[in-house]
């Protein structure tokens, strides 16, 4: 987001946090669903995105337009939060959509936080990503953007029902819908990172040829925490194809010390001679 949009989103996010601290978790989750429903409407309706982010209209005028549009369709709490959102300045209409979608996700995470389930939601999201990645046929179906998100959501629900928390399942649906314009895998990764960020943690994606012991994982997390100045959560992926060593990705930083990488580098160097 550009500066003006970031400021407008921050104001709405601050109001969401104040609301989430006072409301019961189920109500906050319901508000999150309402916010995401509005984001879905914005995704479909370009003219509406433009009208609600039009700098030629005052913020108050845009908020009134929103209130009239949503009367009786969404809960009062979601409508008030969205009124705050649209009354801000938005650099481009697409950033209003991003803001509404992100606000809905943050509401779901806030509800899990209030319920004491945030760490479990983070793990459940990551584990589902691992299950999908480990099954090429499933990954092909789940990640097929050509198949309606509703059909893929039904498949995900059948796989996850009774095994994960409701907020986790709802966030998987958000990922299937292409959160932030990403692929399913990219959206799920981003949601894991947002969940960790709410816990004031950084995520390290670690690929190893054989599983790390609990102690090895703890030591690695501690070293990364010293490097990044923040608690780091280690998410392991076991891939025998790397042969040995490990690959560690934290944000945009990639540390690839795998045997496969060293062999590839050596092969490329020899090929250039």
C-alpha atoms as a PDB file:
ATOM      1  CA  UNK A   1       0.000   0.000   0.000  1.00  0.00           C
ATOM      2  CA  UNK A   2       1.027   3.578  -0.623  1.00  0.00           C
ATOM      3  CA  UNK A   3       1.391   5.999   2.293  1.00  0.00           C
ATOM      4  CA  UNK A   4      -2.130   7.450   2.270  1.00  0.00           C
ATOM      5  CA  UNK A   5      -3.715   4.005   2.064  1.00  0.00           C
ATOM      6  CA  UNK A   6      -1.499   2.659   4.863  1.00  0.00           C
ATOM      7  CA  UNK A   7      -2.563   5.509   7.122  1.00  0.00           C
ATOM      8  CA  UNK A   8      -6.259   4.943   6.373  1.00  0.00           C
ATOM      9  CA  UNK A   9      -5.914   1.220   7.023  1.00  0.00           C
ATOM     10  CA  UNK A  10      -4.031   1.819  10.276  1.00  0.00           C
ATOM     11  CA  UNK A  11      -6.881   3.963  11.632  1.00  0.00           C
ATOM     12  CA  UNK A  12      -9.455   1.268  10.863  1.00  0.00           C
ATOM     13  CA  UNK A  13      -7.184  -1.469  12.257  1.00  0.00           C
ATOM     14  CA  UNK A  14      -6.791   0.478  15.505  1.00  0.00           C
ATOM     15  CA  UNK A  15     -10.567   0.686  15.859  1.00  0.00           C
ATOM     16  CA  UNK A  16     -10.849  -3.019  15.149  1.00  0.00           C
ATOM     17  CA  UNK A  17      -8.407  -3.780  17.967  1.00  0.00           C
ATOM     18  CA  UNK A  18     -10.384  -1.640  20.419  1.00  0.00           C
ATOM     19  CA  UNK A  19     -13.602  -3.387  19.393  1.00  0.00           C
ATOM     20  CA  UNK A  20     -12.032  -6.866  19.586  1.00  0.00           C
ATOM     21  CA  UNK A  21     -10.804  -6.259  23.124  1.00  0.00           C
ATOM     22  CA  UNK A  22     -14.363  -5.576  24.313  1.00  0.00           C
ATOM     23  CA  UNK A  23     -16.438  -8.013  22.252  1.00  0.00           C
ATOM     24  CA  UNK A  24     -16.722 -11.799  22.773  1.00  0.00           C
ATOM     25  CA  UNK A  25     -14.689 -13.939  20.336  1.00  0.00           C
ATOM     26  CA  UNK A  26     -17.716 -15.327  18.418  1.00  0.00           C
ATOM     27  CA  UNK A  27     -18.962 -11.795  17.751  1.00  0.00           C
ATOM     28  CA  UNK A  28     -15.531 -10.710  16.529  1.00  0.00           C
ATOM     29  CA  UNK A  29     -15.362 -13.734  14.204  1.00  0.00           C
ATOM     30  CA  UNK A  30     -18.824 -12.896  12.836  1.00  0.00           C
ATOM     31  CA  UNK A  31     -17.658  -9.336  12.201  1.00  0.00           C
ATOM     32  CA  UNK A  32     -14.649 -10.763  10.365  1.00  0.00           C
ATOM     33  CA  UNK A  33     -16.990 -12.761   8.122  1.00  0.00           C
ATOM     34  CA  UNK A  34     -18.969  -9.586   7.393  1.00  0.00           C
ATOM     35  CA  UNK A  35     -15.810  -7.672   6.513  1.00  0.00           C
ATOM     36  CA  UNK A  36     -14.703 -10.441   4.163  1.00  0.00           C
ATOM     37  CA  UNK A  37     -18.154 -10.530   2.552  1.00  0.00           C
ATOM     38  CA  UNK A  38     -17.794  -6.823   1.847  1.00  0.00           C
ATOM     39  CA  UNK A  39     -14.305  -7.393   0.421  1.00  0.00           C
ATOM     40  CA  UNK A  40     -15.774 -10.044  -1.905  1.00  0.00           C
ATOM     41  CA  UNK A  41     -18.353  -7.489  -3.055  1.00  0.00           C
ATOM     42  CA  UNK A  42     -15.613  -4.966  -3.785  1.00  0.00           C
ATOM     43  CA  UNK A  43     -13.694  -7.597  -5.743  1.00  0.00           C
ATOM     44  CA  UNK A  44     -16.710  -8.126  -8.004  1.00  0.00           C
ATOM     45  CA  UNK A  45     -17.764  -4.479  -8.326  1.00  0.00           C
ATOM     46  CA  UNK A  46     -15.105  -2.203  -9.773  1.00  0.00           C
ATOM     47  CA  UNK A  47     -17.474   0.768  -9.949  1.00  0.00           C
ATOM     48  CA  UNK A  48     -18.214   0.437  -6.246  1.00  0.00           C
ATOM     49  CA  UNK A  49     -14.491   0.314  -5.418  1.00  0.00           C
ATOM     50  CA  UNK A  50     -14.008   3.503  -7.375  1.00  0.00           C
ATOM     51  CA  UNK A  51     -16.973   5.268  -5.777  1.00  0.00           C
ATOM     52  CA  UNK A  52     -15.899   4.375  -2.228  1.00  0.00           C
ATOM     53  CA  UNK A  53     -12.314   5.501  -2.786  1.00  0.00           C
ATOM     54  CA  UNK A  54     -13.042   8.549  -4.961  1.00  0.00           C
ATOM     55  CA  UNK A  55     -10.856  11.431  -3.700  1.00  0.00           C
ATOM     56  CA  UNK A  56     -13.303  13.927  -5.224  1.00  0.00           C
ATOM     57  CA  UNK A  57     -15.892  12.891  -2.608  1.00  0.00           C
ATOM     58  CA  UNK A  58     -15.484  13.711   1.049  1.00  0.00           C
ATOM     59  CA  UNK A  59     -14.803  10.903   3.497  1.00  0.00           C
ATOM     60  CA  UNK A  60     -18.133  11.625   5.175  1.00  0.00           C
ATOM     61  CA  UNK A  61     -19.961  11.348   1.831  1.00  0.00           C
ATOM     62  CA  UNK A  62     -18.322   7.982   1.111  1.00  0.00           C
ATOM     63  CA  UNK A  63     -19.186   6.715   4.588  1.00  0.00           C
ATOM     64  CA  UNK A  64     -22.838   7.709   4.085  1.00  0.00           C
ATOM     65  CA  UNK A  65     -22.876   5.944   0.716  1.00  0.00           C
ATOM     66  CA  UNK A  66     -21.506   2.819   2.379  1.00  0.00           C
ATOM     67  CA  UNK A  67     -24.022   2.945   5.234  1.00  0.00           C
ATOM     68  CA  UNK A  68     -26.940   3.283   2.809  1.00  0.00           C
ATOM     69  CA  UNK A  69     -25.602   0.440   0.705  1.00  0.00           C
ATOM     70  CA  UNK A  70     -25.122  -1.957   3.615  1.00  0.00           C
ATOM     71  CA  UNK A  71     -28.235  -1.092   5.637  1.00  0.00           C
ATOM     72  CA  UNK A  72     -29.656  -4.335   7.017  1.00  0.00           C
ATOM     73  CA  UNK A  73     -27.115  -6.478   5.159  1.00  0.00           C
ATOM     74  CA  UNK A  74     -24.155  -6.572   7.557  1.00  0.00           C
ATOM     75  CA  UNK A  75     -23.810  -6.293  11.325  1.00  0.00           C
ATOM     76  CA  UNK A  76     -23.557  -2.854  12.929  1.00  0.00           C
ATOM     77  CA  UNK A  77     -19.998  -3.460  14.125  1.00  0.00           C
ATOM     78  CA  UNK A  78     -18.745  -4.366  10.651  1.00  0.00           C
ATOM     79  CA  UNK A  79     -20.612  -1.440   9.093  1.00  0.00           C
ATOM     80  CA  UNK A  80     -19.023   1.001  11.546  1.00  0.00           C
ATOM     81  CA  UNK A  81     -15.544  -0.377  10.914  1.00  0.00           C
ATOM     82  CA  UNK A  82     -16.068  -0.209   7.178  1.00  0.00           C
ATOM     83  CA  UNK A  83     -17.327   3.353   7.530  1.00  0.00           C
ATOM     84  CA  UNK A  84     -14.010   4.227   9.139  1.00  0.00           C
ATOM     85  CA  UNK A  85     -12.165   2.394   6.378  1.00  0.00           C
ATOM     86  CA  UNK A  86     -13.862   4.067   3.403  1.00  0.00           C
ATOM     87  CA  UNK A  87     -13.778   7.547   4.943  1.00  0.00           C
ATOM     88  CA  UNK A  88      -9.982   7.508   4.729  1.00  0.00           C
ATOM     89  CA  UNK A  89      -7.856   8.434   1.730  1.00  0.00           C
ATOM     90  CA  UNK A  90      -7.015   5.626  -0.688  1.00  0.00           C
ATOM     91  CA  UNK A  91      -4.283   5.973  -3.287  1.00  0.00           C
ATOM     92  CA  UNK A  92      -5.982   3.573  -5.736  1.00  0.00           C
ATOM     93  CA  UNK A  93      -9.281   1.644  -5.554  1.00  0.00           C
ATOM     94  CA  UNK A  94      -7.519  -1.734  -5.391  1.00  0.00           C
ATOM     95  CA  UNK A  95      -5.917  -0.747  -2.086  1.00  0.00           C
ATOM     96  CA  UNK A  96      -9.354  -0.234  -0.539  1.00  0.00           C
ATOM     97  CA  UNK A  97     -10.115  -3.839  -1.485  1.00  0.00           C
ATOM     98  CA  UNK A  98      -6.827  -4.972   0.055  1.00  0.00           C
ATOM     99  CA  UNK A  99      -7.626  -3.011   3.211  1.00  0.00           C
ATOM    100  CA  UNK A 100     -11.104  -4.505   3.600  1.00  0.00           C
ATOM    101  CA  UNK A 101      -9.796  -8.031   3.050  1.00  0.00           C
ATOM    102  CA  UNK A 102      -6.911  -7.576   5.472  1.00  0.00           C
ATOM    103  CA  UNK A 103      -9.253  -6.079   8.084  1.00  0.00           C
ATOM    104  CA  UNK A 104     -11.491  -9.153   7.819  1.00  0.00           C
ATOM    105  CA  UNK A 105      -8.521 -11.481   8.298  1.00  0.00           C
ATOM    106  CA  UNK A 106      -7.297  -9.480  11.287  1.00  0.00           C
ATOM    107  CA  UNK A 107     -10.758  -9.710  12.846  1.00  0.00           C
ATOM    108  CA  UNK A 108     -10.686 -13.501  12.522  1.00  0.00           C
ATOM    109  CA  UNK A 109      -7.207 -13.609  14.047  1.00  0.00           C
ATOM    110  CA  UNK A 110      -8.312 -11.287  16.851  1.00  0.00           C
ATOM    111  CA  UNK A 111     -11.187 -13.639  17.663  1.00  0.00           C
ATOM    112  CA  UNK A 112      -8.772 -16.588  17.848  1.00  0.00           C
ATOM    113  CA  UNK A 113      -6.422 -14.505  19.983  1.00  0.00           C
ATOM    114  CA  UNK A 114      -9.188 -13.647  22.438  1.00  0.00           C
ATOM    115  CA  UNK A 115     -10.173 -17.332  22.590  1.00  0.00           C
ATOM    116  CA  UNK A 116      -6.568 -18.394  23.278  1.00  0.00           C
ATOM    117  CA  UNK A 117      -6.390 -20.373  20.019  1.00  0.00           C
ATOM    118  CA  UNK A 118      -3.951 -18.315  17.965  1.00  0.00           C
ATOM    119  CA  UNK A 119      -0.934 -20.646  18.242  1.00  0.00           C
ATOM    120  CA  UNK A 120      -3.091 -23.633  17.289  1.00  0.00           C
ATOM    121  CA  UNK A 121      -4.549 -21.757  14.300  1.00  0.00           C
ATOM    122  CA  UNK A 122      -1.019 -20.969  13.087  1.00  0.00           C
ATOM    123  CA  UNK A 123       0.016 -24.627  13.342  1.00  0.00           C
ATOM    124  CA  UNK A 124      -3.185 -25.880  11.695  1.00  0.00           C
ATOM    125  CA  UNK A 125      -2.744 -23.549   8.719  1.00  0.00           C
ATOM    126  CA  UNK A 126       0.859 -24.647   8.256  1.00  0.00           C
ATOM    127  CA  UNK A 127       0.061 -28.346   8.612  1.00  0.00           C
ATOM    128  CA  UNK A 128      -2.716 -28.123   6.019  1.00  0.00           C
ATOM    129  CA  UNK A 129      -0.287 -26.474   3.642  1.00  0.00           C
ATOM    130  CA  UNK A 130       2.084 -29.392   4.237  1.00  0.00           C
ATOM    131  CA  UNK A 131      -0.656 -31.934   3.539  1.00  0.00           C
ATOM    132  CA  UNK A 132      -1.563 -30.225   0.270  1.00  0.00           C
ATOM    133  CA  UNK A 133       2.054 -29.852  -0.846  1.00  0.00           C
ATOM    134  CA  UNK A 134       2.758 -33.508  -0.039  1.00  0.00           C
ATOM    135  CA  UNK A 135      -0.055 -34.762  -2.279  1.00  0.00           C
ATOM    136  CA  UNK A 136       0.427 -33.640  -5.917  1.00  0.00           C
ATOM    137  CA  UNK A 137      -3.105 -34.643  -6.926  1.00  0.00           C
ATOM    138  CA  UNK A 138      -4.637 -32.715  -4.034  1.00  0.00           C
ATOM    139  CA  UNK A 139      -2.365 -29.732  -4.676  1.00  0.00           C
ATOM    140  CA  UNK A 140      -3.476 -29.675  -8.309  1.00  0.00           C
ATOM    141  CA  UNK A 141      -7.153 -29.608  -7.369  1.00  0.00           C
ATOM    142  CA  UNK A 142      -6.878 -27.207  -4.410  1.00  0.00           C
ATOM    143  CA  UNK A 143      -4.616 -24.814  -6.273  1.00  0.00           C
ATOM    144  CA  UNK A 144      -6.590 -24.780  -9.528  1.00  0.00           C
ATOM    145  CA  UNK A 145      -7.768 -21.175  -9.861  1.00  0.00           C
ATOM    146  CA  UNK A 146      -9.909 -22.283 -12.802  1.00  0.00           C
ATOM    147  CA  UNK A 147     -12.175 -24.219 -10.437  1.00  0.00           C
ATOM    148  CA  UNK A 148     -14.622 -22.045  -8.449  1.00  0.00           C
ATOM    149  CA  UNK A 149     -13.350 -21.290  -4.948  1.00  0.00           C
ATOM    150  CA  UNK A 150     -16.644 -22.563  -3.499  1.00  0.00           C
ATOM    151  CA  UNK A 151     -16.034 -26.065  -4.887  1.00  0.00           C
ATOM    152  CA  UNK A 152     -12.479 -26.146  -3.595  1.00  0.00           C
ATOM    153  CA  UNK A 153     -13.708 -24.859  -0.231  1.00  0.00           C
ATOM    154  CA  UNK A 154     -16.126 -27.803  -0.043  1.00  0.00           C
ATOM    155  CA  UNK A 155     -13.221 -30.176  -0.570  1.00  0.00           C
ATOM    156  CA  UNK A 156     -11.145 -28.418   2.092  1.00  0.00           C
ATOM    157  CA  UNK A 157     -14.073 -28.521   4.515  1.00  0.00           C
ATOM    158  CA  UNK A 158     -14.496 -32.257   3.942  1.00  0.00           C
ATOM    159  CA  UNK A 159     -10.802 -32.775   4.716  1.00  0.00           C
ATOM    160  CA  UNK A 160     -10.663 -30.478   7.747  1.00  0.00           C
ATOM    161  CA  UNK A 161     -14.100 -30.665   9.387  1.00  0.00           C
ATOM    162  CA  UNK A 162     -13.754 -31.631  13.022  1.00  0.00           C
ATOM    163  CA  UNK A 163      -9.949 -31.545  12.806  1.00  0.00           C
ATOM    164  CA  UNK A 164      -9.253 -27.813  12.979  1.00  0.00           C
ATOM    165  CA  UNK A 165     -10.720 -24.765  14.644  1.00  0.00           C
ATOM    166  CA  UNK A 166     -13.486 -22.865  12.810  1.00  0.00           C
ATOM    167  CA  UNK A 167     -11.230 -19.838  12.353  1.00  0.00           C
ATOM    168  CA  UNK A 168      -8.609 -22.051  10.676  1.00  0.00           C
ATOM    169  CA  UNK A 169     -11.163 -23.410   8.223  1.00  0.00           C
ATOM    170  CA  UNK A 170     -12.416 -19.899   7.465  1.00  0.00           C
ATOM    171  CA  UNK A 171      -8.870 -18.706   6.796  1.00  0.00           C
ATOM    172  CA  UNK A 172      -8.279 -21.658   4.463  1.00  0.00           C
ATOM    173  CA  UNK A 173     -11.351 -20.462   2.540  1.00  0.00           C
ATOM    174  CA  UNK A 174      -9.814 -16.982   2.394  1.00  0.00           C
ATOM    175  CA  UNK A 175      -6.627 -18.496   0.955  1.00  0.00           C
ATOM    176  CA  UNK A 176      -8.643 -20.440  -1.611  1.00  0.00           C
ATOM    177  CA  UNK A 177     -10.275 -17.174  -2.640  1.00  0.00           C
ATOM    178  CA  UNK A 178      -6.844 -15.746  -3.463  1.00  0.00           C
ATOM    179  CA  UNK A 179      -6.079 -13.522  -0.459  1.00  0.00           C
ATOM    180  CA  UNK A 180      -4.276 -10.429  -1.698  1.00  0.00           C
ATOM    181  CA  UNK A 181      -4.319 -11.691  -5.287  1.00  0.00           C
ATOM    182  CA  UNK A 182      -2.017 -14.596  -4.407  1.00  0.00           C
ATOM    183  CA  UNK A 183      -2.056 -18.261  -5.352  1.00  0.00           C
ATOM    184  CA  UNK A 184      -3.471 -20.641  -2.746  1.00  0.00           C
ATOM    185  CA  UNK A 185      -0.004 -21.614  -1.531  1.00  0.00           C
ATOM    186  CA  UNK A 186       1.138 -17.996  -1.407  1.00  0.00           C
ATOM    187  CA  UNK A 187      -2.021 -16.879   0.376  1.00  0.00           C
ATOM    188  CA  UNK A 188      -1.762 -19.652   2.974  1.00  0.00           C
ATOM    189  CA  UNK A 189       1.876 -18.751   3.640  1.00  0.00           C
ATOM    190  CA  UNK A 190       0.926 -15.104   4.096  1.00  0.00           C
ATOM    191  CA  UNK A 191      -1.843 -16.042   6.533  1.00  0.00           C
ATOM    192  CA  UNK A 192       0.589 -18.142   8.583  1.00  0.00           C
ATOM    193  CA  UNK A 193       2.915 -15.131   8.734  1.00  0.00           C
ATOM    194  CA  UNK A 194       0.109 -12.750   9.780  1.00  0.00           C
ATOM    195  CA  UNK A 195      -0.914 -15.191  12.517  1.00  0.00           C
ATOM    196  CA  UNK A 196       2.665 -15.366  13.779  1.00  0.00           C
ATOM    197  CA  UNK A 197       3.015 -11.592  13.547  1.00  0.00           C
ATOM    198  CA  UNK A 198      -0.006 -11.161  15.791  1.00  0.00           C
ATOM    199  CA  UNK A 199       1.834 -13.347  18.311  1.00  0.00           C
ATOM    200  CA  UNK A 200       4.853 -11.036  17.852  1.00  0.00           C
ATOM    201  CA  UNK A 201       6.801 -13.809  16.160  1.00  0.00           C
ATOM    202  CA  UNK A 202       8.706 -14.282  12.912  1.00  0.00           C
ATOM    203  CA  UNK A 203       8.295 -17.461  10.866  1.00  0.00           C
ATOM    204  CA  UNK A 204      11.305 -19.428   9.617  1.00  0.00           C
ATOM    205  CA  UNK A 205      10.540 -22.033   6.955  1.00  0.00           C
ATOM    206  CA  UNK A 206      13.174 -24.730   7.305  1.00  0.00           C
ATOM    207  CA  UNK A 207      13.669 -27.547   4.786  1.00  0.00           C
ATOM    208  CA  UNK A 208      15.724 -30.520   5.941  1.00  0.00           C
ATOM    209  CA  UNK A 209      16.506 -33.989   4.591  1.00  0.00           C
ATOM    210  CA  UNK A 210      15.606 -35.613   7.923  1.00  0.00           C
ATOM    211  CA  UNK A 211      13.504 -34.197  10.787  1.00  0.00           C
ATOM    212  CA  UNK A 212      15.228 -31.999  13.350  1.00  0.00           C
ATOM    213  CA  UNK A 213      14.968 -33.129  16.958  1.00  0.00           C
ATOM    214  CA  UNK A 214      13.064 -30.897  19.362  1.00  0.00           C
ATOM    215  CA  UNK A 215      16.361 -29.684  20.801  1.00  0.00           C
ATOM    216  CA  UNK A 216      17.834 -28.953  17.362  1.00  0.00           C
ATOM    217  CA  UNK A 217      14.712 -27.029  16.411  1.00  0.00           C
ATOM    218  CA  UNK A 218      14.853 -25.063  19.668  1.00  0.00           C
ATOM    219  CA  UNK A 219      18.520 -24.154  19.131  1.00  0.00           C
ATOM    220  CA  UNK A 220      17.892 -23.097  15.550  1.00  0.00           C
ATOM    221  CA  UNK A 221      14.957 -20.944  16.613  1.00  0.00           C
ATOM    222  CA  UNK A 222      17.088 -19.332  19.339  1.00  0.00           C
ATOM    223  CA  UNK A 223      19.900 -18.503  16.896  1.00  0.00           C
ATOM    224  CA  UNK A 224      17.482 -17.028  14.396  1.00  0.00           C
ATOM    225  CA  UNK A 225      15.828 -15.068  17.193  1.00  0.00           C
ATOM    226  CA  UNK A 226      19.176 -13.508  18.065  1.00  0.00           C
ATOM    227  CA  UNK A 227      19.734 -12.641  14.400  1.00  0.00           C
ATOM    228  CA  UNK A 228      16.323 -11.053  13.874  1.00  0.00           C
ATOM    229  CA  UNK A 229      15.750  -9.617  17.334  1.00  0.00           C
ATOM    230  CA  UNK A 230      12.396 -11.349  17.654  1.00  0.00           C
ATOM    231  CA  UNK A 231      11.024 -14.724  18.709  1.00  0.00           C
ATOM    232  CA  UNK A 232      11.210 -17.030  15.682  1.00  0.00           C
ATOM    233  CA  UNK A 233       8.831 -19.918  15.066  1.00  0.00           C
ATOM    234  CA  UNK A 234      10.440 -22.762  13.097  1.00  0.00           C
ATOM    235  CA  UNK A 235       8.240 -24.511  10.536  1.00  0.00           C
ATOM    236  CA  UNK A 236       9.868 -27.730   9.301  1.00  0.00           C
ATOM    237  CA  UNK A 237       9.496 -29.383   5.913  1.00  0.00           C
ATOM    238  CA  UNK A 238      11.232 -32.715   5.346  1.00  0.00           C
ATOM    239  CA  UNK A 239      12.482 -33.242   1.802  1.00  0.00           C
ATOM    240  CA  UNK A 240      14.983 -36.102   1.281  1.00  0.00           C
ATOM    241  CA  UNK A 241      15.730 -34.732  -2.206  1.00  0.00           C
ATOM    242  CA  UNK A 242      17.956 -32.004  -0.728  1.00  0.00           C
ATOM    243  CA  UNK A 243      20.312 -34.843   0.417  1.00  0.00           C
ATOM    244  CA  UNK A 244      21.574 -33.037   3.529  1.00  0.00           C
ATOM    245  CA  UNK A 245      22.108 -29.660   5.172  1.00  0.00           C
ATOM    246  CA  UNK A 246      19.177 -27.276   5.369  1.00  0.00           C
ATOM    247  CA  UNK A 247      17.455 -24.363   3.715  1.00  0.00           C
ATOM    248  CA  UNK A 248      16.060 -21.549   5.891  1.00  0.00           C
ATOM    249  CA  UNK A 249      13.730 -18.829   4.632  1.00  0.00           C
ATOM    250  CA  UNK A 250      12.725 -15.901   6.849  1.00  0.00           C
ATOM    251  CA  UNK A 251      10.696 -13.329   4.980  1.00  0.00           C
ATOM    252  CA  UNK A 252      12.649 -12.475   1.830  1.00  0.00           C
ATOM    253  CA  UNK A 253      15.903 -13.828   3.303  1.00  0.00           C
ATOM    254  CA  UNK A 254      16.962 -17.268   2.056  1.00  0.00           C
ATOM    255  CA  UNK A 255      19.881 -19.235   3.494  1.00  0.00           C
ATOM    256  CA  UNK A 256      20.439 -22.331   1.366  1.00  0.00           C
ATOM    257  CA  UNK A 257      23.057 -24.662   2.828  1.00  0.00           C
ATOM    258  CA  UNK A 258      21.698 -27.859   1.327  1.00  0.00           C
ATOM    259  CA  UNK A 259      23.906 -30.509  -0.231  1.00  0.00           C
ATOM    260  CA  UNK A 260      21.717 -30.325  -3.344  1.00  0.00           C
ATOM    261  CA  UNK A 261      22.455 -26.617  -3.710  1.00  0.00           C
ATOM    262  CA  UNK A 262      26.198 -27.153  -3.325  1.00  0.00           C
ATOM    263  CA  UNK A 263      26.145 -29.952  -5.913  1.00  0.00           C
ATOM    264  CA  UNK A 264      24.156 -27.783  -8.301  1.00  0.00           C
ATOM    265  CA  UNK A 265      26.566 -24.875  -7.868  1.00  0.00           C
ATOM    266  CA  UNK A 266      29.539 -27.194  -8.493  1.00  0.00           C
ATOM    267  CA  UNK A 267      27.917 -28.683 -11.588  1.00  0.00           C
ATOM    268  CA  UNK A 268      27.164 -25.216 -12.980  1.00  0.00           C
ATOM    269  CA  UNK A 269      30.711 -24.048 -12.304  1.00  0.00           C
ATOM    270  CA  UNK A 270      32.169 -27.068 -14.115  1.00  0.00           C
ATOM    271  CA  UNK A 271      29.809 -26.548 -17.057  1.00  0.00           C
ATOM    272  CA  UNK A 272      31.158 -23.017 -17.581  1.00  0.00           C
ATOM    273  CA  UNK A 273      34.757 -24.198 -17.968  1.00  0.00           C
END
